[in-house]
Each structure stands twice: as C-alpha cells, then as structure tokens.
N, C-alpha and C. Protein backbone atom coordinates (compact mmCIF):
# COMPACT_ATOMS: atom_id res chain seq x y z
N GLN A 1 112.66 113.43 -42.98
CA GLN A 1 113.58 112.73 -42.08
C GLN A 1 114.61 113.72 -41.55
N VAL A 2 114.74 113.76 -40.24
CA VAL A 2 115.68 114.68 -39.61
C VAL A 2 117.10 114.13 -39.74
N GLN A 3 118.00 114.99 -40.15
CA GLN A 3 119.41 114.61 -40.21
C GLN A 3 120.27 115.72 -39.64
N LEU A 4 121.25 115.33 -38.85
CA LEU A 4 122.26 116.25 -38.36
C LEU A 4 123.58 115.79 -38.97
N VAL A 5 124.23 116.66 -39.69
CA VAL A 5 125.44 116.29 -40.41
C VAL A 5 126.59 117.15 -39.93
N GLU A 6 127.55 116.49 -39.26
CA GLU A 6 128.74 117.20 -38.78
C GLU A 6 129.82 117.19 -39.85
N SER A 7 130.65 118.20 -39.80
CA SER A 7 131.82 118.28 -40.68
C SER A 7 132.88 119.13 -40.00
N GLY A 8 134.10 119.06 -40.54
CA GLY A 8 135.17 119.91 -40.03
C GLY A 8 136.18 119.22 -39.15
N GLY A 9 135.96 117.95 -38.86
CA GLY A 9 136.94 117.24 -38.05
C GLY A 9 138.22 117.00 -38.82
N GLY A 10 139.23 116.49 -38.12
CA GLY A 10 140.50 116.20 -38.76
C GLY A 10 141.59 116.01 -37.74
N MET A 11 142.82 116.07 -38.23
CA MET A 11 143.98 115.90 -37.37
C MET A 11 144.73 117.22 -37.28
N VAL A 12 145.13 117.56 -36.08
CA VAL A 12 145.82 118.83 -35.85
C VAL A 12 146.83 118.65 -34.72
N GLN A 13 147.86 119.45 -34.72
CA GLN A 13 148.84 119.40 -33.65
C GLN A 13 148.32 120.15 -32.42
N ALA A 14 148.85 119.80 -31.28
CA ALA A 14 148.48 120.48 -30.05
C ALA A 14 148.70 121.99 -30.20
N GLY A 15 147.74 122.75 -29.71
CA GLY A 15 147.81 124.19 -29.84
C GLY A 15 147.09 124.72 -31.07
N GLY A 16 146.71 123.82 -31.96
CA GLY A 16 146.04 124.22 -33.18
C GLY A 16 144.55 124.42 -32.99
N SER A 17 143.86 124.67 -34.11
CA SER A 17 142.43 124.98 -34.08
C SER A 17 141.68 124.18 -35.14
N LEU A 18 140.42 123.94 -34.86
CA LEU A 18 139.50 123.34 -35.81
C LEU A 18 138.14 123.98 -35.60
N ARG A 19 137.35 123.99 -36.67
CA ARG A 19 135.98 124.48 -36.57
C ARG A 19 135.04 123.40 -37.07
N LEU A 20 134.18 122.95 -36.19
CA LEU A 20 133.19 121.95 -36.55
C LEU A 20 131.88 122.62 -36.92
N SER A 21 131.18 122.03 -37.87
CA SER A 21 129.86 122.50 -38.27
C SER A 21 128.85 121.37 -38.13
N CYS A 22 127.63 121.74 -37.86
CA CYS A 22 126.54 120.76 -37.78
C CYS A 22 125.32 121.36 -38.47
N ALA A 23 124.98 120.80 -39.60
CA ALA A 23 123.84 121.27 -40.37
C ALA A 23 122.64 120.36 -40.13
N VAL A 24 121.50 120.98 -39.87
CA VAL A 24 120.28 120.22 -39.60
C VAL A 24 119.38 120.28 -40.83
N THR A 25 118.93 119.15 -41.27
CA THR A 25 117.99 119.10 -42.40
C THR A 25 116.78 118.27 -42.00
N GLY A 26 115.69 118.48 -42.69
CA GLY A 26 114.48 117.70 -42.44
C GLY A 26 113.45 118.43 -41.61
N ARG A 27 113.90 119.32 -40.77
CA ARG A 27 112.99 120.17 -40.01
C ARG A 27 113.79 121.29 -39.38
N THR A 28 113.09 122.27 -38.85
CA THR A 28 113.74 123.39 -38.18
C THR A 28 113.51 123.27 -36.68
N PHE A 29 114.58 123.34 -35.92
CA PHE A 29 114.49 123.28 -34.47
C PHE A 29 114.58 124.70 -33.92
N SER A 30 113.58 125.48 -34.28
CA SER A 30 113.66 126.91 -33.96
C SER A 30 113.53 127.22 -32.48
N SER A 31 112.99 126.31 -31.71
CA SER A 31 112.84 126.60 -30.28
C SER A 31 113.62 125.60 -29.42
N TYR A 32 114.59 124.93 -30.02
CA TYR A 32 115.37 123.92 -29.31
C TYR A 32 116.80 124.40 -29.09
N ALA A 33 117.38 123.94 -28.00
CA ALA A 33 118.82 124.10 -27.82
C ALA A 33 119.54 123.11 -28.74
N MET A 34 120.83 123.30 -28.88
CA MET A 34 121.66 122.33 -29.58
C MET A 34 122.94 122.14 -28.80
N GLY A 35 123.44 120.93 -28.85
CA GLY A 35 124.62 120.63 -28.06
C GLY A 35 125.70 119.92 -28.85
N TRP A 36 126.90 119.99 -28.34
CA TRP A 36 128.04 119.23 -28.85
C TRP A 36 128.50 118.31 -27.74
N PHE A 37 128.76 117.07 -28.11
CA PHE A 37 129.28 116.07 -27.20
C PHE A 37 130.51 115.43 -27.83
N ARG A 38 131.25 114.69 -27.05
CA ARG A 38 132.38 113.96 -27.59
C ARG A 38 132.55 112.63 -26.87
N GLN A 39 133.16 111.70 -27.56
CA GLN A 39 133.39 110.39 -26.97
C GLN A 39 134.76 109.89 -27.41
N ALA A 40 135.62 109.70 -26.43
CA ALA A 40 136.95 109.15 -26.68
C ALA A 40 136.89 107.63 -26.53
N PRO A 41 137.82 106.92 -27.13
CA PRO A 41 137.83 105.45 -27.02
C PRO A 41 137.84 104.98 -25.58
N GLY A 42 136.93 104.07 -25.24
CA GLY A 42 136.87 103.52 -23.90
C GLY A 42 136.24 104.42 -22.86
N LYS A 43 135.72 105.57 -23.30
CA LYS A 43 135.11 106.50 -22.36
C LYS A 43 133.65 106.75 -22.71
N GLU A 44 132.91 107.26 -21.76
CA GLU A 44 131.52 107.59 -22.01
C GLU A 44 131.42 108.89 -22.79
N ARG A 45 130.29 109.04 -23.48
CA ARG A 45 130.05 110.28 -24.19
C ARG A 45 129.88 111.40 -23.16
N GLU A 46 130.52 112.54 -23.44
CA GLU A 46 130.47 113.63 -22.48
C GLU A 46 130.04 114.94 -23.13
N PHE A 47 129.43 115.77 -22.33
CA PHE A 47 128.98 117.09 -22.76
C PHE A 47 130.18 117.99 -23.03
N VAL A 48 130.09 118.75 -24.11
CA VAL A 48 131.14 119.71 -24.44
C VAL A 48 130.59 121.14 -24.36
N ALA A 49 129.50 121.40 -25.07
CA ALA A 49 128.95 122.75 -25.12
C ALA A 49 127.51 122.69 -25.61
N ALA A 50 126.75 123.72 -25.29
CA ALA A 50 125.37 123.81 -25.78
C ALA A 50 125.00 125.27 -25.92
N ILE A 51 123.99 125.51 -26.73
CA ILE A 51 123.55 126.87 -26.99
C ILE A 51 122.04 126.91 -27.11
N ARG A 52 121.43 127.91 -26.47
CA ARG A 52 120.01 128.10 -26.66
C ARG A 52 119.77 128.54 -28.10
N TRP A 53 118.59 128.16 -28.65
CA TRP A 53 118.30 128.58 -30.00
C TRP A 53 117.89 130.04 -30.05
N THR A 54 117.43 130.57 -28.94
CA THR A 54 117.12 132.00 -28.86
C THR A 54 118.10 132.64 -27.89
N ARG A 55 118.43 133.89 -28.12
CA ARG A 55 119.33 134.69 -27.29
C ARG A 55 120.79 134.24 -27.35
N GLY A 56 121.03 133.04 -27.84
CA GLY A 56 122.41 132.60 -28.01
C GLY A 56 123.19 132.37 -26.73
N ILE A 57 122.50 132.13 -25.64
CA ILE A 57 123.19 131.86 -24.37
C ILE A 57 123.90 130.52 -24.47
N THR A 58 125.13 130.48 -24.01
CA THR A 58 125.98 129.31 -24.19
C THR A 58 126.39 128.67 -22.86
N TYR A 59 126.72 127.39 -22.94
CA TYR A 59 127.14 126.61 -21.78
C TYR A 59 128.31 125.75 -22.21
N TYR A 60 129.27 125.58 -21.30
CA TYR A 60 130.48 124.82 -21.63
C TYR A 60 130.87 123.89 -20.50
N ALA A 61 131.48 122.77 -20.87
CA ALA A 61 132.14 121.93 -19.88
C ALA A 61 133.37 122.66 -19.38
N ASP A 62 133.72 122.43 -18.14
CA ASP A 62 134.88 123.12 -17.56
C ASP A 62 136.16 122.82 -18.36
N SER A 63 136.25 121.64 -18.92
CA SER A 63 137.47 121.22 -19.61
C SER A 63 137.71 122.00 -20.90
N VAL A 64 136.67 122.65 -21.43
CA VAL A 64 136.85 123.37 -22.71
C VAL A 64 136.58 124.86 -22.57
N LYS A 65 136.14 125.28 -21.40
CA LYS A 65 135.82 126.69 -21.20
C LYS A 65 137.03 127.57 -21.47
N GLY A 66 136.82 128.60 -22.25
CA GLY A 66 137.91 129.51 -22.59
C GLY A 66 138.66 129.11 -23.85
N ARG A 67 138.45 127.88 -24.32
CA ARG A 67 139.13 127.42 -25.54
C ARG A 67 138.14 127.15 -26.68
N PHE A 68 136.96 126.69 -26.36
CA PHE A 68 135.95 126.36 -27.37
C PHE A 68 134.84 127.42 -27.36
N THR A 69 134.26 127.65 -28.52
CA THR A 69 133.15 128.58 -28.64
C THR A 69 132.07 127.96 -29.51
N ILE A 70 130.86 127.88 -28.96
CA ILE A 70 129.73 127.38 -29.73
C ILE A 70 128.93 128.58 -30.24
N SER A 71 128.45 128.46 -31.47
CA SER A 71 127.65 129.52 -32.05
C SER A 71 126.65 128.89 -33.01
N ARG A 72 125.69 129.69 -33.45
CA ARG A 72 124.71 129.12 -34.37
C ARG A 72 124.24 130.17 -35.38
N ASP A 73 123.79 129.67 -36.50
CA ASP A 73 123.21 130.50 -37.54
C ASP A 73 121.80 129.96 -37.75
N ASN A 74 120.81 130.64 -37.18
CA ASN A 74 119.43 130.15 -37.25
C ASN A 74 118.93 130.06 -38.68
N ALA A 75 119.32 131.02 -39.49
CA ALA A 75 118.84 131.05 -40.87
C ALA A 75 119.32 129.84 -41.66
N LYS A 76 120.47 129.30 -41.26
CA LYS A 76 121.04 128.15 -41.97
C LYS A 76 120.82 126.85 -41.19
N ASP A 77 120.16 126.92 -40.04
CA ASP A 77 119.97 125.73 -39.21
C ASP A 77 121.30 125.01 -38.99
N THR A 78 122.29 125.80 -38.63
CA THR A 78 123.64 125.26 -38.47
C THR A 78 124.23 125.73 -37.15
N VAL A 79 124.93 124.82 -36.49
CA VAL A 79 125.63 125.14 -35.26
C VAL A 79 127.11 124.88 -35.47
N TYR A 80 127.93 125.69 -34.87
CA TYR A 80 129.38 125.58 -35.03
C TYR A 80 130.05 125.37 -33.68
N LEU A 81 131.23 124.78 -33.73
CA LEU A 81 132.07 124.66 -32.55
C LEU A 81 133.48 125.03 -32.95
N GLN A 82 133.90 126.22 -32.55
CA GLN A 82 135.26 126.67 -32.80
C GLN A 82 136.14 126.17 -31.67
N MET A 83 137.16 125.41 -32.01
CA MET A 83 138.02 124.80 -31.01
C MET A 83 139.43 125.34 -31.17
N ASN A 84 139.90 126.06 -30.17
CA ASN A 84 141.24 126.65 -30.18
C ASN A 84 142.08 126.01 -29.08
N SER A 85 143.37 126.21 -29.19
CA SER A 85 144.31 125.69 -28.17
C SER A 85 144.03 124.22 -27.88
N LEU A 86 143.90 123.45 -28.93
CA LEU A 86 143.55 122.04 -28.77
C LEU A 86 144.65 121.27 -28.05
N LYS A 87 144.21 120.29 -27.27
CA LYS A 87 145.10 119.45 -26.50
C LYS A 87 144.91 117.99 -26.92
N PRO A 88 145.90 117.15 -26.71
CA PRO A 88 145.73 115.72 -27.05
C PRO A 88 144.51 115.10 -26.38
N GLU A 89 144.18 115.56 -25.18
CA GLU A 89 143.02 115.00 -24.48
C GLU A 89 141.69 115.43 -25.09
N ASP A 90 141.71 116.31 -26.08
CA ASP A 90 140.50 116.67 -26.82
C ASP A 90 140.20 115.66 -27.92
N THR A 91 141.11 114.73 -28.15
CA THR A 91 140.91 113.72 -29.18
C THR A 91 139.68 112.88 -28.88
N ALA A 92 138.75 112.83 -29.84
CA ALA A 92 137.49 112.11 -29.65
C ALA A 92 136.67 112.22 -30.94
N VAL A 93 135.58 111.47 -30.97
CA VAL A 93 134.56 111.69 -31.99
C VAL A 93 133.59 112.72 -31.43
N TYR A 94 133.35 113.75 -32.20
CA TYR A 94 132.47 114.84 -31.76
C TYR A 94 131.11 114.71 -32.44
N TYR A 95 130.06 114.86 -31.63
CA TYR A 95 128.70 114.72 -32.11
C TYR A 95 127.90 115.99 -31.80
N CYS A 96 127.03 116.38 -32.73
CA CYS A 96 126.05 117.40 -32.40
C CYS A 96 124.72 116.69 -32.13
N ALA A 97 123.88 117.37 -31.36
CA ALA A 97 122.64 116.73 -30.95
C ALA A 97 121.59 117.77 -30.59
N VAL A 98 120.35 117.33 -30.66
CA VAL A 98 119.20 118.17 -30.31
C VAL A 98 118.40 117.46 -29.23
N PRO A 99 118.03 118.16 -28.17
CA PRO A 99 117.27 117.50 -27.09
C PRO A 99 115.87 117.12 -27.53
N GLY A 100 115.26 116.24 -26.76
CA GLY A 100 113.93 115.78 -27.10
C GLY A 100 112.83 116.74 -26.71
N VAL A 101 113.17 117.77 -25.96
CA VAL A 101 112.18 118.73 -25.49
C VAL A 101 112.60 120.12 -25.93
N SER A 102 111.64 120.88 -26.42
CA SER A 102 111.93 122.24 -26.84
C SER A 102 111.79 123.19 -25.65
N GLY A 103 112.13 124.43 -25.90
CA GLY A 103 112.01 125.43 -24.83
C GLY A 103 113.28 126.24 -24.72
N GLY A 104 113.13 127.54 -24.63
CA GLY A 104 114.30 128.41 -24.65
C GLY A 104 115.26 128.18 -23.51
N SER A 105 114.77 127.79 -22.36
CA SER A 105 115.65 127.64 -21.21
C SER A 105 116.03 126.19 -20.95
N TYR A 106 115.58 125.28 -21.81
CA TYR A 106 115.86 123.86 -21.62
C TYR A 106 117.14 123.51 -22.36
N VAL A 107 118.23 123.44 -21.63
CA VAL A 107 119.53 123.14 -22.21
C VAL A 107 120.20 122.07 -21.36
N PRO A 108 119.84 120.82 -21.56
CA PRO A 108 120.42 119.75 -20.74
C PRO A 108 121.85 119.45 -21.12
N SER A 109 122.57 118.84 -20.20
CA SER A 109 123.94 118.41 -20.47
C SER A 109 124.06 116.89 -20.52
N ALA A 110 123.01 116.18 -20.14
CA ALA A 110 123.07 114.72 -20.14
C ALA A 110 122.75 114.18 -21.53
N PRO A 111 123.62 113.32 -22.06
CA PRO A 111 123.38 112.78 -23.40
C PRO A 111 122.03 112.10 -23.55
N LYS A 112 121.53 111.45 -22.50
CA LYS A 112 120.29 110.70 -22.60
C LYS A 112 119.08 111.61 -22.85
N LEU A 113 119.23 112.90 -22.63
CA LEU A 113 118.14 113.83 -22.83
C LEU A 113 118.11 114.41 -24.25
N TYR A 114 119.06 113.98 -25.07
CA TYR A 114 119.11 114.42 -26.46
C TYR A 114 118.52 113.33 -27.35
N HIS A 115 117.68 113.76 -28.28
CA HIS A 115 116.91 112.79 -29.08
C HIS A 115 117.49 112.59 -30.47
N TYR A 116 118.02 113.64 -31.07
CA TYR A 116 118.56 113.57 -32.43
C TYR A 116 120.06 113.72 -32.36
N TRP A 117 120.76 112.86 -33.11
CA TRP A 117 122.22 112.86 -33.10
C TRP A 117 122.78 112.82 -34.52
N GLY A 118 123.90 113.45 -34.70
CA GLY A 118 124.63 113.32 -35.95
C GLY A 118 125.48 112.06 -35.93
N GLN A 119 126.18 111.83 -37.03
CA GLN A 119 126.97 110.61 -37.17
C GLN A 119 128.34 110.73 -36.52
N GLY A 120 128.74 111.95 -36.20
CA GLY A 120 130.02 112.17 -35.54
C GLY A 120 131.13 112.51 -36.51
N THR A 121 132.09 113.27 -36.03
CA THR A 121 133.27 113.62 -36.82
C THR A 121 134.50 113.47 -35.92
N GLN A 122 135.53 112.84 -36.45
CA GLN A 122 136.73 112.53 -35.66
C GLN A 122 137.62 113.76 -35.55
N VAL A 123 138.05 114.03 -34.34
CA VAL A 123 139.05 115.06 -34.06
C VAL A 123 140.24 114.38 -33.39
N THR A 124 141.41 114.53 -33.97
CA THR A 124 142.61 113.93 -33.43
C THR A 124 143.65 115.01 -33.21
N VAL A 125 144.14 115.13 -31.98
CA VAL A 125 145.13 116.15 -31.65
C VAL A 125 146.42 115.44 -31.25
N SER A 126 147.46 115.70 -32.00
CA SER A 126 148.74 115.05 -31.73
C SER A 126 149.62 115.96 -30.87
N SER A 127 150.46 115.34 -30.06
CA SER A 127 151.33 116.11 -29.17
C SER A 127 152.64 116.46 -29.84
C-alpha cells in the first residue's frame, strides 16, 4: 500500500522558517516527479512546487519563488520543502503528491493530475 507521510508543519511567526518532509512508503517512485500543494480555508488546492525525480529540476509557484526550496533524497524516497521568509498568506494545509504518470519531464502543476496524496500537515504563520 502506497503511503505519503508529511511532517514538519507547525506554527511560526512571519519571517520564520519551516522544513516539511514527505516520506513515501509502499513503493519507489523512481521515475516520477513529486509535488507540494497547499490549501487554505475556503480556497482551492494550489500548486506550490515540484521536482523531477531525475536531475532534480525544480518548479515553483510565483508566490513562493525565492522563498521556498524543494529537494529530494532518492535513497530515502523523501521529498522536502524548505520554507523561508514565511508570510501569513502561506498559512494552509500542505500536501505532497505524486502524479499518475511517470516520466522525467512530466511535472504537472494541476492537482487533478496527481494520483497519490499525503494526509497533509498544517502550517500556520502569525503576523
């Protein structure tokens, strides 16, 4: 059974940092991209960042570019999201996800194209 388990969420003041982790168990997604999404109350789930499983090429939403960094450890089947200079508008539940299609260059940003999801971890940024 495939499981994606996020950790590292919490409450932080504006300007602070958090590091999220997403560990994959049950299978290895060696040729899949992985993504981070977030969903704030009353809003749709939105793309935050994604990374190819090979070459480590990364993609970011404009709202987090320059502040967030996605990385991965293939040997541990784990993806990370380092979040710096956090703002109150970053408050949301953060989810990691794996798309339904493999391929080194397939890195979608639409949530509907992701097949496996974690349970989410809450990030709260106070002003």
